[in-house]
PDB file of N, CA and C in Angstrom:
ATOM      1  N   MET A   1      50.245  76.963 144.164  1.00  0.00           N
ATOM      2  CA  MET A   1      50.921  76.096 143.439  1.00  0.00           C
ATOM      3  C   MET A   1      50.703  76.130 141.897  1.00  0.00           C
ATOM      4  N   PRO A   2      51.710  76.428 141.247  1.00  0.00           N
ATOM      5  CA  PRO A   2      51.726  76.653 139.833  1.00  0.00           C
ATOM      6  C   PRO A   2      50.728  75.482 138.798  1.00  0.00           C
ATOM      7  N   VAL A   3      50.316  76.434 137.963  1.00  0.00           N
ATOM      8  CA  VAL A   3      49.840  75.039 136.777  1.00  0.00           C
ATOM      9  C   VAL A   3      50.536  75.009 135.576  1.00  0.00           C
ATOM     10  N   THR A   4      50.615  73.740 135.127  1.00  0.00           N
ATOM     11  CA  THR A   4      51.207  73.654 133.813  1.00  0.00           C
ATOM     12  C   THR A   4      50.242  73.333 132.630  1.00  0.00           C
ATOM     13  N   TYR A   5      50.532  73.770 131.636  1.00  0.00           N
ATOM     14  CA  TYR A   5      49.474  73.207 130.296  1.00  0.00           C
ATOM     15  C   TYR A   5      50.417  72.145 129.639  1.00  0.00           C
ATOM     16  N   ASN A   6      51.155  71.582 129.797  1.00  0.00           N
ATOM     17  CA  ASN A   6      51.984  70.442 129.236  1.00  0.00           C
ATOM     18  C   ASN A   6      50.946  69.451 128.671  1.00  0.00           C
ATOM     19  N   LYS A   7      50.411  69.007 129.352  1.00  0.00           N
ATOM     20  CA  LYS A   7      49.167  68.089 129.224  1.00  0.00           C
ATOM     21  C   LYS A   7      48.338  68.763 127.800  1.00  0.00           C
ATOM     22  N   LEU A   8      47.944  69.945 127.734  1.00  0.00           N
ATOM     23  CA  LEU A   8      47.078  70.340 126.464  1.00  0.00           C
ATOM     24  C   LEU A   8      48.137  70.413 125.458  1.00  0.00           C
ATOM     25  N   PHE A   9      49.374  70.583 125.300  1.00  0.00           N
ATOM     26  CA  PHE A   9      50.220  70.675 124.174  1.00  0.00           C
ATOM     27  C   PHE A   9      50.408  69.337 123.519  1.00  0.00           C
ATOM     28  N   LYS A  10      50.526  68.530 124.587  1.00  0.00           N
ATOM     29  CA  LYS A  10      50.699  67.024 124.132  1.00  0.00           C
ATOM     30  C   LYS A  10      49.743  66.482 123.191  1.00  0.00           C
ATOM     31  N   LEU A  11      48.282  67.011 123.924  1.00  0.00           N
ATOM     32  CA  LEU A  11      47.095  66.545 123.299  1.00  0.00           C
ATOM     33  C   LEU A  11      46.781  67.210 121.968  1.00  0.00           C
ATOM     34  N   LEU A  12      47.646  68.269 121.939  1.00  0.00           N
ATOM     35  CA  LEU A  12      47.385  68.912 120.510  1.00  0.00           C
ATOM     36  C   LEU A  12      48.035  68.398 119.678  1.00  0.00           C
ATOM     37  N   ILE A  13      49.364  67.762 119.857  1.00  0.00           N
ATOM     38  CA  ILE A  13      50.330  66.986 119.061  1.00  0.00           C
ATOM     39  C   ILE A  13      49.793  65.813 118.471  1.00  0.00           C
ATOM     40  N   ASP A  14      49.085  65.124 119.959  1.00  0.00           N
ATOM     41  CA  ASP A  14      48.356  63.776 119.298  1.00  0.00           C
ATOM     42  C   ASP A  14      47.324  63.915 118.503  1.00  0.00           C
ATOM     43  N   ARG A  15      46.762  64.663 118.383  1.00  0.00           N
ATOM     44  CA  ARG A  15      45.570  65.052 117.725  1.00  0.00           C
ATOM     45  C   ARG A  15      45.791  65.929 116.374  1.00  0.00           C
ATOM     46  N   ARG A  16      46.938  66.199 116.516  1.00  0.00           N
ATOM     47  CA  ARG A  16      47.613  67.098 115.278  1.00  0.00           C
ATOM     48  C   ARG A  16      46.721  68.246 114.962  1.00  0.00           C
ATOM     49  N   ILE A  17      46.565  69.139 116.098  1.00  0.00           N
ATOM     50  CA  ILE A  17      45.642  70.220 116.291  1.00  0.00           C
ATOM     51  C   ILE A  17      46.721  71.584 116.123  1.00  0.00           C
ATOM     52  N   SER A  18      46.581  72.326 115.306  1.00  0.00           N
ATOM     53  CA  SER A  18      47.792  73.327 115.478  1.00  0.00           C
ATOM     54  C   SER A  18      47.129  74.276 116.460  1.00  0.00           C
ATOM     55  N   ASN A  19      48.177  75.769 116.854  1.00  0.00           N
ATOM     56  CA  ASN A  19      47.458  76.498 117.855  1.00  0.00           C
ATOM     57  C   ASN A  19      46.364  77.347 117.165  1.00  0.00           C
ATOM     58  N   SER A  20      46.406  77.775 115.774  1.00  0.00           N
ATOM     59  CA  SER A  20      45.325  78.266 115.307  1.00  0.00           C
ATOM     60  C   SER A  20      44.167  77.616 115.274  1.00  0.00           C
ATOM     61  N   GLU A  21      44.331  76.242 115.032  1.00  0.00           N
ATOM     62  CA  GLU A  21      43.261  75.700 114.837  1.00  0.00           C
ATOM     63  C   GLU A  21      42.308  75.577 116.487  1.00  0.00           C
ATOM     64  N   LEU A  22      42.990  75.542 117.382  1.00  0.00           N
ATOM     65  CA  LEU A  22      42.363  75.443 118.658  1.00  0.00           C
ATOM     66  C   LEU A  22      41.808  77.084 118.740  1.00  0.00           C
ATOM     67  N   MET A  23      42.585  77.997 118.571  1.00  0.00           N
ATOM     68  CA  MET A  23      41.878  79.329 118.934  1.00  0.00           C
ATOM     69  C   MET A  23      40.552  79.274 118.248  1.00  0.00           C
ATOM     70  N   ASP A  24      40.473  78.867 116.574  1.00  0.00           N
ATOM     71  CA  ASP A  24      39.472  78.924 115.923  1.00  0.00           C
ATOM     72  C   ASP A  24      38.269  77.954 116.764  1.00  0.00           C
ATOM     73  N   LYS A  25      38.454  77.042 117.089  1.00  0.00           N
ATOM     74  CA  LYS A  25      37.391  76.121 117.637  1.00  0.00           C
ATOM     75  C   LYS A  25      37.060  76.644 119.131  1.00  0.00           C
ATOM     76  N   ALA A  26      38.014  77.280 119.989  1.00  0.00           N
ATOM     77  CA  ALA A  26      37.422  77.803 120.991  1.00  0.00           C
ATOM     78  C   ALA A  26      37.207  78.962 121.105  1.00  0.00           C
ATOM     79  N   GLY A  27      37.547  79.705 120.333  1.00  0.00           N
ATOM     80  CA  GLY A  27      36.892  81.221 120.169  1.00  0.00           C
ATOM     81  C   GLY A  27      38.055  82.079 120.924  1.00  0.00           C
ATOM     82  N   PHE A  28      39.121  81.950 120.961  1.00  0.00           N
ATOM     83  CA  PHE A  28      40.011  83.065 121.637  1.00  0.00           C
ATOM     84  C   PHE A  28      41.246  83.530 120.898  1.00  0.00           C
ATOM     85  N   SER A  29      41.948  84.738 121.391  1.00  0.00           N
ATOM     86  CA  SER A  29      43.040  85.337 120.622  1.00  0.00           C
ATOM     87  C   SER A  29      44.217  84.683 120.817  1.00  0.00           C
ATOM     88  N   ALA A  30      45.336  84.613 119.883  1.00  0.00           N
ATOM     89  CA  ALA A  30      46.646  84.528 120.167  1.00  0.00           C
ATOM     90  C   ALA A  30      47.284  84.656 121.536  1.00  0.00           C
ATOM     91  N   ASN A  31      46.741  85.880 121.997  1.00  0.00           N
ATOM     92  CA  ASN A  31      47.401  86.112 123.416  1.00  0.00           C
ATOM     93  C   ASN A  31      47.299  84.790 124.689  1.00  0.00           C
ATOM     94  N   ILE A  32      46.269  84.202 124.442  1.00  0.00           N
ATOM     95  CA  ILE A  32      45.698  83.092 125.074  1.00  0.00           C
ATOM     96  C   ILE A  32      46.918  81.951 125.060  1.00  0.00           C
ATOM     97  N   ILE A  33      46.911  82.135 124.002  1.00  0.00           N
ATOM     98  CA  ILE A  33      48.052  80.779 123.401  1.00  0.00           C
ATOM     99  C   ILE A  33      49.434  81.297 123.725  1.00  0.00           C
ATOM    100  N   THR A  34      49.664  82.397 123.749  1.00  0.00           N
ATOM    101  CA  THR A  34      51.135  82.796 124.258  1.00  0.00           C
ATOM    102  C   THR A  34      51.052  82.568 126.183  1.00  0.00           C
ATOM    103  N   ARG A  35      49.939  83.030 126.863  1.00  0.00           N
ATOM    104  CA  ARG A  35      50.094  82.856 127.997  1.00  0.00           C
ATOM    105  C   ARG A  35      49.986  81.286 128.439  1.00  0.00           C
ATOM    106  N   LEU A  36      49.203  80.542 127.862  1.00  0.00           N
ATOM    107  CA  LEU A  36      49.650  79.074 127.987  1.00  0.00           C
ATOM    108  C   LEU A  36      50.800  78.590 128.028  1.00  0.00           C
ATOM    109  N   LYS A  37      51.709  79.112 126.800  1.00  0.00           N
ATOM    110  CA  LYS A  37      52.827  78.416 126.485  1.00  0.00           C
ATOM    111  C   LYS A  37      53.935  79.036 127.553  1.00  0.00           C
ATOM    112  N   LYS A  38      53.422  79.820 128.454  1.00  0.00           N
ATOM    113  CA  LYS A  38      54.398  80.703 129.442  1.00  0.00           C
ATOM    114  C   LYS A  38      53.574  80.220 130.653  1.00  0.00           C
ATOM    115  N   ASN A  39      52.840  79.201 130.855  1.00  0.00           N
ATOM    116  CA  ASN A  39      52.213  78.614 132.023  1.00  0.00           C
ATOM    117  C   ASN A  39      51.571  79.724 132.975  1.00  0.00           C
ATOM    118  N   GLU A  40      51.284  80.650 132.152  1.00  0.00           N
ATOM    119  CA  GLU A  40      50.537  81.962 133.015  1.00  0.00           C
ATOM    120  C   GLU A  40      49.212  81.791 132.963  1.00  0.00           C
ATOM    121  N   TYR A  41      48.418  82.684 133.925  1.00  0.00           N
ATOM    122  CA  TYR A  41      47.273  82.796 134.234  1.00  0.00           C
ATOM    123  C   TYR A  41      46.270  82.529 133.246  1.00  0.00           C
ATOM    124  N   ILE A  42      45.521  82.080 133.007  1.00  0.00           N
ATOM    125  CA  ILE A  42      43.985  82.379 132.172  1.00  0.00           C
ATOM    126  C   ILE A  42      42.894  82.028 132.745  1.00  0.00           C
ATOM    127  N   SER A  43      41.860  82.477 132.327  1.00  0.00           N
ATOM    128  CA  SER A  43      40.692  82.559 132.833  1.00  0.00           C
ATOM    129  C   SER A  43      39.842  81.123 132.979  1.00  0.00           C
ATOM    130  N   MET A  44      39.105  81.205 133.751  1.00  0.00           N
ATOM    131  CA  MET A  44      38.232  79.667 133.892  1.00  0.00           C
ATOM    132  C   MET A  44      37.411  79.520 132.821  1.00  0.00           C
ATOM    133  N   GLU A  45      36.972  80.845 132.108  1.00  0.00           N
ATOM    134  CA  GLU A  45      36.211  80.661 131.024  1.00  0.00           C
ATOM    135  C   GLU A  45      36.972  80.244 129.736  1.00  0.00           C
ATOM    136  N   SER A  46      38.276  80.768 129.612  1.00  0.00           N
ATOM    137  CA  SER A  46      39.130  80.089 128.641  1.00  0.00           C
ATOM    138  C   SER A  46      39.226  78.751 128.815  1.00  0.00           C
ATOM    139  N   ILE A  47      39.595  78.247 130.041  1.00  0.00           N
ATOM    140  CA  ILE A  47      40.029  76.711 130.059  1.00  0.00           C
ATOM    141  C   ILE A  47      38.775  76.063 129.837  1.00  0.00           C
ATOM    142  N   GLU A  48      37.421  76.552 130.121  1.00  0.00           N
ATOM    143  CA  GLU A  48      36.188  75.772 129.480  1.00  0.00           C
ATOM    144  C   GLU A  48      36.067  76.135 128.038  1.00  0.00           C
ATOM    145  N   LYS A  49      36.344  77.019 127.471  1.00  0.00           N
ATOM    146  CA  LYS A  49      36.311  76.895 126.071  1.00  0.00           C
ATOM    147  C   LYS A  49      37.174  75.698 125.455  1.00  0.00           C
ATOM    148  N   ILE A  50      38.303  75.858 125.975  1.00  0.00           N
ATOM    149  CA  ILE A  50      39.503  74.809 125.438  1.00  0.00           C
ATOM    150  C   ILE A  50      38.925  73.324 125.774  1.00  0.00           C
ATOM    151  N   CYS A  51      38.272  73.143 126.881  1.00  0.00           N
ATOM    152  CA  CYS A  51      37.717  71.666 127.112  1.00  0.00           C
ATOM    153  C   CYS A  51      36.449  71.487 126.197  1.00  0.00           C
ATOM    154  N   ASN A  52      35.684  72.423 125.939  1.00  0.00           N
ATOM    155  CA  ASN A  52      34.587  72.307 125.274  1.00  0.00           C
ATOM    156  C   ASN A  52      34.799  72.233 123.549  1.00  0.00           C
ATOM    157  N   ALA A  53      35.822  72.822 123.225  1.00  0.00           N
ATOM    158  CA  ALA A  53      36.619  72.832 121.815  1.00  0.00           C
ATOM    159  C   ALA A  53      37.225  71.354 121.378  1.00  0.00           C
ATOM    160  N   LEU A  54      37.828  70.636 122.519  1.00  0.00           N
ATOM    161  CA  LEU A  54      38.555  69.456 122.505  1.00  0.00           C
ATOM    162  C   LEU A  54      37.783  68.250 123.020  1.00  0.00           C
ATOM    163  N   GLN A  55      36.558  68.717 123.408  1.00  0.00           N
ATOM    164  CA  GLN A  55      35.750  67.422 124.238  1.00  0.00           C
ATOM    165  C   GLN A  55      36.790  66.765 125.204  1.00  0.00           C
ATOM    166  N   VAL A  56      37.194  67.450 126.257  1.00  0.00           N
ATOM    167  CA  VAL A  56      37.889  66.832 127.267  1.00  0.00           C
ATOM    168  C   VAL A  56      37.949  67.374 128.617  1.00  0.00           C
ATOM    169  N   GLY A  57      38.123  66.884 129.772  1.00  0.00           N
ATOM    170  CA  GLY A  57      37.996  67.231 130.954  1.00  0.00           C
ATOM    171  C   GLY A  57      39.316  67.995 131.211  1.00  0.00           C
ATOM    172  N   VAL A  58      39.177  68.984 132.302  1.00  0.00           N
ATOM    173  CA  VAL A  58      40.198  69.939 132.860  1.00  0.00           C
ATOM    174  C   VAL A  58      41.440  69.093 133.159  1.00  0.00           C
ATOM    175  N   ASP A  59      41.319  68.019 133.645  1.00  0.00           N
ATOM    176  CA  ASP A  59      42.489  67.366 134.130  1.00  0.00           C
ATOM    177  C   ASP A  59      43.299  66.573 132.802  1.00  0.00           C
ATOM    178  N   GLU A  60      42.871  66.728 131.568  1.00  0.00           N
ATOM    179  CA  GLU A  60      43.526  66.364 130.523  1.00  0.00           C
ATOM    180  C   GLU A  60      44.372  67.334 129.943  1.00  0.00           C
ATOM    181  N   ILE A  61      43.934  68.747 130.609  1.00  0.00           N
ATOM    182  CA  ILE A  61      44.859  69.715 129.606  1.00  0.00           C
ATOM    183  C   ILE A  61      46.014  70.592 130.659  1.00  0.00           C
ATOM    184  N   LEU A  62      45.457  70.508 132.249  1.00  0.00           N
ATOM    185  CA  LEU A  62      46.346  71.142 133.071  1.00  0.00           C
ATOM    186  C   LEU A  62      46.496  70.187 133.976  1.00  0.00           C
ATOM    187  N   GLU A  63      48.022  70.546 134.608  1.00  0.00           N
ATOM    188  CA  GLU A  63      48.132  69.643 135.993  1.00  0.00           C
ATOM    189  C   GLU A  63      48.750  70.637 136.683  1.00  0.00           C
ATOM    190  N   PHE A  64      48.842  70.442 138.299  1.00  0.00           N
ATOM    191  CA  PHE A  64      49.409  71.154 139.036  1.00  0.00           C
ATOM    192  C   PHE A  64      50.984  70.866 139.026  1.00  0.00           C
ATOM    193  N   ASP A  65      51.757  71.846 139.244  1.00  0.00           N
ATOM    194  CA  ASP A  65      53.365  71.521 138.932  1.00  0.00           C
ATOM    195  C   ASP A  65      53.545  71.562 140.845  1.00  0.00           C
ATOM    196  N   SER A  66      54.175  70.638 141.395  1.00  0.00           N
ATOM    197  CA  SER A  66      54.404  70.911 142.978  1.00  0.00           C
ATOM    198  C   SER A  66      55.957  71.274 142.906  1.00  0.00           C
ATOM    199  N   VAL A  67      56.760  71.514 141.989  1.00  0.00           N
ATOM    200  CA  VAL A  67      57.912  72.182 142.089  1.00  0.00           C
ATOM    201  C   VAL A  67      57.890  73.825 141.744  1.00  0.00           C
ATOM    202  N   GLU A  68      58.086  74.533 142.660  1.00  0.00           N
ATOM    203  CA  GLU A  68      57.794  75.968 142.165  1.00  0.00           C
ATOM    204  C   GLU A  68      59.172  76.809 141.920  1.00  0.00           C
ATOM    205  N   SER A  69      59.411  77.495 140.739  1.00  0.00           N
ATOM    206  CA  SER A  69      60.585  78.375 140.830  1.00  0.00           C
ATOM    207  C   SER A  69      60.965  78.965 142.084  1.00  0.00           C
ATOM    208  N   SER A  70      62.487  78.719 142.185  1.00  0.00           N
ATOM    209  CA  SER A  70      63.000  79.474 143.547  1.00  0.00           C
ATOM    210  C   SER A  70      62.937  80.925 143.331  1.00  0.00           C
ATOM    211  N   GLY A  71      62.679  81.289 144.344  1.00  0.00           N
ATOM    212  CA  GLY A  71      62.150  82.653 144.722  1.00  0.00           C
ATOM    213  C   GLY A  71      60.959  82.936 144.374  1.00  0.00           C
ATOM    214  N   THR A  72      59.730  82.335 143.925  1.00  0.00           N
ATOM    215  CA  THR A  72      58.703  82.626 143.842  1.00  0.00           C
ATOM    216  C   THR A  72      57.458  82.642 144.738  1.00  0.00           C
ATOM    217  N   ASN A  73      57.914  82.089 145.961  1.00  0.00           N
ATOM    218  CA  ASN A  73      57.297  82.302 147.206  1.00  0.00           C
ATOM    219  C   ASN A  73      57.880  82.849 148.320  1.00  0.00           C
ATOM    220  N   GLU A  74      58.779  83.802 148.125  1.00  0.00           N
ATOM    221  CA  GLU A  74      59.785  84.294 149.235  1.00  0.00           C
ATOM    222  C   GLU A  74      59.473  85.391 149.591  1.00  0.00           C
ATOM    223  N   ARG A  75      58.349  86.027 148.946  1.00  0.00           N
ATOM    224  CA  ARG A  75      57.720  87.218 149.536  1.00  0.00           C
ATOM    225  C   ARG A  75      56.816  86.842 150.904  1.00  0.00           C
ATOM    226  N   LEU A  76      57.431  87.767 152.070  1.00  0.00           N
ATOM    227  CA  LEU A  76      56.633  87.472 153.298  1.00  0.00           C
ATOM    228  C   LEU A  76      56.462  88.624 153.980  1.00  0.00           C
TER     229      LEU A  76
END
């Protein structure tokens, strides 16, 4: 099941936190922001850093997307 980070980006907008501010607070590179925007895999360590920096729980920054892209799971 794919993960989306839409909640994170909404939270950043609501709190008026820029991507670069998040990178500084959480201590990671721009590569992580790029991966988040593409809903790609990031490590649990990075997720933990984001949660700690924003003082939120995991459920406040990510959610599982029940709708999968066509062809994503067609390898058999």
